[in-house]
Protein backbone atom coordinates (compact mmCIF):
# COMPACT_ATOMS: atom_id res chain seq x y z
CA MET A 1 -0.34 0.02 0.06
CA ASN A 2 1.42 3.44 -0.86
CA PHE A 3 -0.04 6.42 0.43
CA GLU A 4 1.70 8.76 -1.59
CA SER A 5 -0.22 7.20 -4.94
CA MET A 6 -3.56 7.57 -3.30
CA GLY A 7 -4.59 10.71 -4.71
CA LYS A 8 -8.01 9.51 -6.19
CA SER A 9 -10.93 7.42 -4.76
CA GLY A 10 -11.14 3.88 -4.77
CA ALA A 11 -10.86 0.78 -2.90
CA VAL A 12 -7.54 -0.01 -1.49
CA GLU A 13 -6.25 -3.33 0.58
CA GLY A 14 -2.84 -3.68 2.26
CA PHE A 15 -0.17 -3.57 5.04
CA CYS A 16 0.87 -0.26 7.00
CA LEU A 17 1.53 1.06 10.35
CA ILE A 18 -0.91 2.58 12.97
CA LYS A 19 0.84 5.74 13.64
CA THR A 20 -1.80 6.99 16.02
CA CYS A 21 -5.33 5.50 17.23
CA ASP A 22 -7.92 6.52 19.28
CA LYS A 23 -11.32 5.22 20.18
CA LYS A 24 -13.96 8.17 19.98
CA THR A 25 -17.48 8.19 19.79
CA THR A 26 -19.92 10.03 17.11
CA ALA A 27 -22.44 12.75 18.06
CA LYS A 28 -25.10 9.99 18.40
CA GLY A 29 -22.78 8.29 20.56
CA LEU A 30 -21.61 5.61 18.24
CA PRO A 31 -18.16 4.16 18.87
CA TYR A 32 -15.41 4.49 15.92
CA LEU A 33 -11.69 4.23 15.59
CA ASP A 34 -9.56 7.71 14.70
CA MET A 35 -6.26 6.73 13.14
CA ILE A 36 -3.20 7.66 11.16
CA LEU A 37 -1.86 4.89 9.12
CA SER A 38 1.09 5.16 7.54
CA ASP A 39 3.92 3.28 5.17
CA ALA A 40 7.36 4.75 4.15
CA SER A 41 6.02 7.01 1.77
CA GLY A 42 3.27 8.60 3.52
CA GLU A 43 0.35 8.53 5.70
CA ILE A 44 -3.54 8.94 5.43
CA VAL A 45 -6.45 9.83 8.01
CA ALA A 46 -8.41 6.87 8.59
CA LYS A 47 -12.02 5.95 10.47
CA LEU A 48 -13.54 2.49 11.34
CA TRP A 49 -17.04 3.39 11.95
CA ASP A 50 -19.26 1.24 14.36
CA TYR A 51 -16.26 -0.11 16.10
CA ASN A 52 -16.71 -3.24 18.12
CA GLU A 53 -13.72 -4.59 20.04
CA GLU A 54 -14.92 -8.00 20.08
CA ALA A 55 -15.78 -8.26 16.43
CA HIS A 56 -12.81 -5.85 14.83
CA GLY A 57 -9.98 -6.88 17.35
CA SER A 58 -8.01 -4.24 19.45
CA TYR A 59 -5.43 -1.94 18.22
CA GLU A 60 -2.62 0.58 19.24
CA ALA A 61 0.23 2.99 17.90
CA ASN A 62 2.73 1.24 16.39
CA ASN A 63 0.92 -2.28 15.61
CA ILE A 64 1.14 -3.29 11.89
CA VAL A 65 -2.09 -4.15 10.21
CA LYS A 66 -4.05 -5.25 6.95
CA VAL A 67 -6.74 -2.78 6.14
CA ARG A 68 -9.19 -3.05 3.05
CA GLY A 69 -11.10 -0.17 2.62
CA THR A 70 -12.23 2.70 0.37
CA ILE A 71 -10.72 6.30 0.02
CA SER A 72 -12.71 9.37 -0.31
CA PRO A 73 -12.02 13.33 -0.14
CA TYR A 74 -13.05 14.86 3.20
CA ASN A 75 -12.41 18.57 3.88
CA GLY A 76 -9.64 18.71 1.10
CA ALA A 77 -7.60 15.89 2.19
CA ASP A 78 -7.97 11.85 1.50
CA GLN A 79 -9.58 9.86 3.89
CA LEU A 80 -9.45 5.98 4.46
CA ARG A 81 -12.84 4.67 5.30
CA VAL A 82 -11.82 1.13 6.94
CA GLU A 83 -14.06 -1.90 6.03
CA ARG A 84 -11.86 -4.71 7.24
CA ILE A 85 -8.66 -4.77 9.49
CA ARG A 86 -6.66 -7.49 11.26
CA LEU A 87 -3.15 -7.28 12.79
CA ALA A 88 0.06 -8.44 10.71
CA ILE A 89 0.98 -12.16 11.54
CA PRO A 90 4.58 -13.85 10.92
CA SER A 91 3.21 -15.43 8.00
CA ASP A 92 2.39 -12.19 6.26
CA ASN A 93 6.44 -11.66 6.12
CA ILE A 94 6.48 -7.83 6.85
CA ASN A 95 9.30 -5.95 6.54
CA ILE A 96 9.12 -3.24 9.16
CA GLU A 97 11.36 -0.82 6.90
CA ASP A 98 8.52 -0.84 4.18
CA PHE A 99 6.37 0.88 6.73
CA VAL A 100 8.52 3.55 8.79
CA GLN A 101 10.72 6.13 7.50
CA SER A 102 14.41 4.21 7.80
CA ALA A 103 17.84 5.06 7.38
CA ASP A 104 19.54 4.89 4.20
CA TYR A 105 21.80 1.68 5.53
CA SER A 106 20.97 -1.41 7.36
CA GLY A 107 21.85 -1.44 11.06
CA GLU A 108 24.45 -4.04 10.62
CA MET A 109 26.42 -1.92 7.82
CA MET A 110 26.47 0.90 9.80
CA TYR A 111 27.71 -0.70 13.18
CA SER A 112 30.16 -2.88 11.47
CA GLU A 113 31.49 0.45 10.05
CA LEU A 114 31.69 2.16 13.09
CA GLU A 115 33.28 -1.02 14.58
CA ALA A 116 35.77 -1.01 11.82
CA ILE A 117 37.03 2.06 12.76
CA VAL A 118 37.29 1.94 16.15
CA THR A 119 39.75 -1.59 15.62
CA GLY A 120 41.99 0.84 14.01
CA PHE A 121 42.80 3.34 16.48
CA SER A 122 46.47 3.83 18.08
CA ASP A 123 45.05 4.65 21.70
CA ALA A 124 44.40 1.33 23.21
CA ASP A 125 42.07 2.92 26.08
CA PHE A 126 39.88 4.96 23.92
CA LYS A 127 39.55 1.51 21.51
CA SER A 128 38.41 -0.67 24.37
CA ILE A 129 35.88 2.07 25.96
CA VAL A 130 34.24 2.47 22.60
CA LEU A 131 34.20 -1.39 21.64
CA LYS A 132 33.00 -2.24 24.93
CA LEU A 133 29.98 0.10 24.99
CA LEU A 134 29.25 -0.50 21.12
CA LYS A 135 29.23 -4.54 22.19
CA GLU A 136 27.12 -4.16 24.97
CA ASN A 137 24.44 -2.05 23.30
CA LYS A 138 24.34 -3.48 19.83
CA GLU A 139 21.17 -4.71 19.88
CA LYS A 140 19.42 -1.70 20.25
CA LEU A 141 22.16 0.29 18.13
CA LEU A 142 20.75 -1.49 15.28
CA TYR A 143 17.31 -0.36 15.30
CA TRP A 144 17.68 2.87 17.79
CA PRO A 145 16.23 6.33 16.56
CA ALA A 146 18.30 9.43 17.43
CA ALA A 147 15.37 11.42 18.36
CA PHE A 148 11.43 11.36 19.50
CA LYS A 149 10.80 14.21 16.95
CA LEU A 150 13.47 16.33 15.12
CA HIS A 151 16.26 15.09 13.40
CA HIS A 152 17.09 11.53 12.68
CA ALA A 153 13.48 10.31 14.45
CA ILE A 154 13.60 7.29 12.40
CA ARG A 155 14.57 3.44 12.64
CA GLY A 156 18.03 3.11 12.58
CA GLY A 157 18.46 6.94 13.04
CA LEU A 158 20.78 6.83 15.92
CA LEU A 159 23.49 5.13 14.05
CA TYR A 160 23.03 7.12 10.67
CA HIS A 161 23.40 10.23 12.67
CA THR A 162 26.71 9.18 14.29
CA LEU A 163 28.42 7.50 11.38
CA SER A 164 27.55 10.86 9.52
CA ILE A 165 29.68 12.98 12.35
CA VAL A 166 32.39 10.18 12.18
CA ARG A 167 32.58 10.49 8.49
CA LEU A 168 32.62 14.35 8.54
CA ALA A 169 35.16 14.10 11.59
CA GLN A 170 37.62 12.05 9.62
CA GLY A 171 37.49 14.65 6.96
CA VAL A 172 38.40 17.14 9.40
CA CYS A 173 41.30 15.33 10.84
CA LYS A 174 42.91 15.09 7.31
CA ILE A 175 42.90 19.03 6.90
CA TYR A 176 43.95 19.71 10.42
CA PRO A 177 46.58 18.18 11.51
CA SER A 178 46.35 19.32 15.56
CA VAL A 179 43.52 16.81 15.76
CA ASN A 180 43.36 13.88 17.83
CA PRO A 181 41.98 11.63 15.70
CA ASP A 182 41.06 8.64 18.22
CA LEU A 183 39.83 11.35 20.83
CA LEU A 184 37.56 12.87 18.36
CA LEU A 185 35.89 9.68 17.08
CA ALA A 186 35.46 8.16 20.38
CA GLY A 187 33.63 11.01 21.19
CA ALA A 188 31.39 11.32 18.28
CA ILE A 189 30.81 7.43 18.38
CA LEU A 190 29.66 7.72 21.66
CA HIS A 191 28.12 11.25 22.03
CA ASP A 192 24.59 9.97 21.92
CA ILE A 193 24.83 6.41 23.20
CA GLY A 194 22.92 7.92 26.43
CA LYS A 195 19.39 7.79 24.05
CA LEU A 196 19.37 4.33 24.24
CA ASP A 197 18.21 5.01 27.82
CA GLU A 198 16.29 7.94 26.90
CA PHE A 199 13.45 6.89 24.75
CA GLU A 200 10.45 4.79 24.96
CA VAL A 201 11.21 2.67 21.54
CA SER A 202 8.86 -0.38 19.69
CA ASP A 203 10.12 -2.78 17.61
CA THR A 204 9.30 -0.30 14.68
CA GLY A 205 12.43 1.67 15.73
CA LEU A 206 10.27 4.89 16.29
CA ALA A 207 10.27 6.58 19.93
CA SER A 208 6.86 7.11 21.38
CA GLY A 209 7.89 8.98 24.30
CA TYR A 210 10.96 9.39 26.78
CA THR A 211 11.46 7.38 30.19
CA VAL A 212 11.58 8.65 33.24
CA ASP A 213 15.24 7.98 33.26
CA GLY A 214 15.21 10.36 29.93
CA ASN A 215 13.40 12.87 31.51
CA LEU A 216 15.05 13.20 34.58
CA ILE A 217 18.71 12.51 33.67
CA GLY A 218 19.10 12.85 29.86
CA HIS A 219 21.15 11.36 27.56
CA LEU A 220 24.38 13.91 27.82
CA VAL A 221 24.47 12.90 31.47
CA ARG A 222 23.40 9.02 31.07
CA GLY A 223 26.39 8.78 28.62
CA ALA A 224 28.78 10.32 30.59
CA ILE A 225 28.27 7.91 33.26
CA ALA A 226 28.11 5.08 30.71
CA ILE A 227 32.11 6.14 29.91
CA GLU A 228 32.70 6.29 33.58
CA LYS A 229 31.61 2.75 34.21
CA ALA A 230 33.14 1.40 31.31
CA GLY A 231 36.50 3.39 32.18
CA GLU A 232 36.46 1.67 36.02
CA GLU A 233 35.87 -1.75 34.61
CA LEU A 234 38.45 -1.27 32.38
CA ARG A 235 40.75 0.07 34.84
CA ILE A 236 41.62 2.91 32.70
CA THR A 237 42.48 6.47 34.35
CA PRO A 238 39.84 8.90 35.05
CA ASP A 239 42.23 11.33 33.57
CA LYS A 240 41.80 9.77 30.12
CA TYR A 241 38.03 8.70 30.18
CA ARG A 242 37.10 12.46 31.54
CA LEU A 243 38.04 13.76 28.35
CA LEU A 244 35.21 11.58 26.48
CA GLN A 245 32.81 12.50 29.45
CA HIS A 246 33.44 16.16 28.88
CA MET A 247 32.95 15.58 24.89
CA LEU A 248 29.40 14.30 25.43
CA ILE A 249 28.17 16.80 28.38
CA SER A 250 29.21 19.53 26.26
CA HIS A 251 28.33 18.28 22.64
CA HIS A 252 25.04 20.67 22.69
CA GLY A 253 27.21 23.64 22.66
CA GLU A 254 25.44 26.17 24.94
CA PRO A 255 23.36 25.52 28.56
CA GLU A 256 20.58 26.92 27.09
CA PHE A 257 20.61 24.22 24.76
CA GLY A 258 20.85 21.38 26.92
CA ALA A 259 25.12 21.50 27.56
CA ALA A 260 26.34 21.00 30.94
CA VAL A 261 29.05 23.01 30.16
CA ARG A 262 30.47 24.73 26.81
CA PRO A 263 33.18 22.75 24.91
CA MET A 264 36.92 23.22 26.42
CA PHE A 265 38.99 21.66 24.11
CA LEU A 266 39.61 21.22 20.38
CA GLU A 267 37.92 18.14 19.82
CA ALA A 268 34.95 18.64 22.03
CA GLU A 269 34.22 22.03 19.97
CA ILE A 270 34.48 19.99 16.68
CA LEU A 271 32.19 17.53 17.91
CA SER A 272 29.81 20.20 19.10
CA THR A 273 29.69 21.86 15.71
CA LEU A 274 29.38 18.66 13.40
CA ASP A 275 26.65 17.47 15.52
CA LEU A 276 24.87 20.91 14.90
CA LEU A 277 25.68 20.64 11.27
CA ASP A 278 24.48 17.04 10.71
CA SER A 279 21.15 17.84 12.64
CA ARG A 280 20.59 20.45 10.79
CA ILE A 281 21.56 19.10 7.44
CA PHE A 282 18.91 16.56 8.05
CA GLU A 283 16.02 19.12 8.93
CA ILE A 284 16.61 20.85 6.00
CA GLU A 285 16.58 18.09 3.59
CA ASN A 286 13.51 16.68 5.11
CA SER A 287 11.77 20.05 4.98
CA VAL A 288 12.00 20.38 1.19
CA SER A 289 11.75 16.57 0.30
CA ALA A 290 8.03 16.99 -0.20
CA ILE A 291 7.89 19.78 -2.20
CA ALA A 292 8.55 20.54 -5.61
CA PRO A 293 11.54 22.83 -6.93
CA GLY A 294 10.64 26.47 -6.62
CA GLU A 295 8.86 25.92 -3.50
CA TYR A 296 9.13 26.83 -0.10
CA SER A 297 8.69 24.67 2.73
CA GLN A 298 6.67 25.01 5.67
CA ARG A 299 8.23 26.95 8.84
CA GLN A 300 11.09 24.80 10.63
CA TRP A 301 10.64 26.02 14.45
CA ALA A 302 13.60 24.26 15.33
CA LEU A 303 15.78 25.95 12.58
CA ASP A 304 14.80 29.65 13.82
CA ASN A 305 11.36 29.31 12.13
CA ARG A 306 13.03 29.52 8.66
CA LYS A 307 11.11 28.38 5.43
CA PHE A 308 13.30 26.72 3.03
CA PHE A 309 13.50 26.86 -0.76
CA ASN A 310 13.89 23.81 -3.22
CA HIS A 311 16.36 25.15 -5.57
CA GLY A 312 15.63 21.89 -7.87
CA LEU A 313 19.57 21.02 -8.31
CA SER A 314 20.37 17.76 -7.69
CA ALA A 315 23.58 16.13 -6.14
CA VAL A 316 23.97 14.34 -9.63
CA ASP A 317 24.24 18.15 -11.12
CA THR A 318 26.49 19.18 -8.44
CA LYS A 319 28.90 16.02 -8.89
CA ALA A 320 28.96 16.66 -12.67
CA ASN A 321 30.25 20.39 -12.54
CA LEU A 322 33.10 19.01 -9.92
CA LYS A 323 34.68 16.25 -12.33
C-alpha cells in the first residue's frame, strides 16, 4: 500500500503501520476508531466506523495491520474508510522498513563500519572503551532512532546520525593535523549513546516518548555515566576517560540547548559543531523533500522558524560540475 499514490478515490487493500489510534464516539454516541495509517512513503487519516472491539480486534499505535477500505475526499484531504482490519501475523513476512522511515543503510552495515574504525585506533584506552560500549549495546543500536521528534527520528537514525558525524570528523582530521583523531572519533561514536536509555522505543524503531530516566537524567549525563562505568571496569585512568565525558556533556554547545558545560578543548568543539551541522542538514533536507522545485517549505521552528527553498539542483548536478 503506497499512500503517496492514493490521490483518487477507490478501494484499497494492503499493510500499513498505525501511527495514532484513538477510540471516539460520534455525535449519536456510536464508537469509532480515529487513526493515522502510514507506510514509508506517507500517511493518511482513517476511520473505522461502528467499532466493536470483539468483532474488529484491539489496536494501538505502532501495530502493523492489514486493512481494506475505500478512499474518498474529506475537507480537502484524502480519508480512508476502513472496512476490514487485522493485525499482521508472522506468515505475512512483513519488512518493518517498508512501513517506517528508515536510515539509508542497514543497522548491521553501519555498526560494522563503526566497529572497523574503532579497531583501527592507535589509542588502546579509547579503543577499549568504545568497543565495550558498542558491543554491550549492539542489539538496540541496530534499530534505535536518534530522536523522539526532529532530526533522525527514524528507524536506525541513531547509528545513521553517528556515522555521518564520524565521516565528517574523518575529513576534519585530514585537514587539521593538530586534531587527535582517536579522541575525536571516540567522542563522535559515543556522543549519543545515552539515548538508548532516553526513549521508549518499539520494535518499529520509532520513539513513542521519553522514559523516566530520559526526563530526569537525559542522554548527555547518562552517556557520561556509561563512560565512567566502562572506564572503571577497564581500569582506565579517569584523566583519560574524563575527556570523553566532557565531550558528551558539552556537545550541545550552549547551556540553553542542554549542555552542562561549553566545549573546552579542540575535539570537543569540533564534535559540537559537527553534531549541529548534521542535525541541520537532515532537517533542511527533510523539509524540502516533499515540495516541488521552486517552492518553499513550511516554517521549521527548530531552525529559527525559517522556511527553506527547494532550488531543484540535485546532487547529480553538483557532482557533474565537480568533475
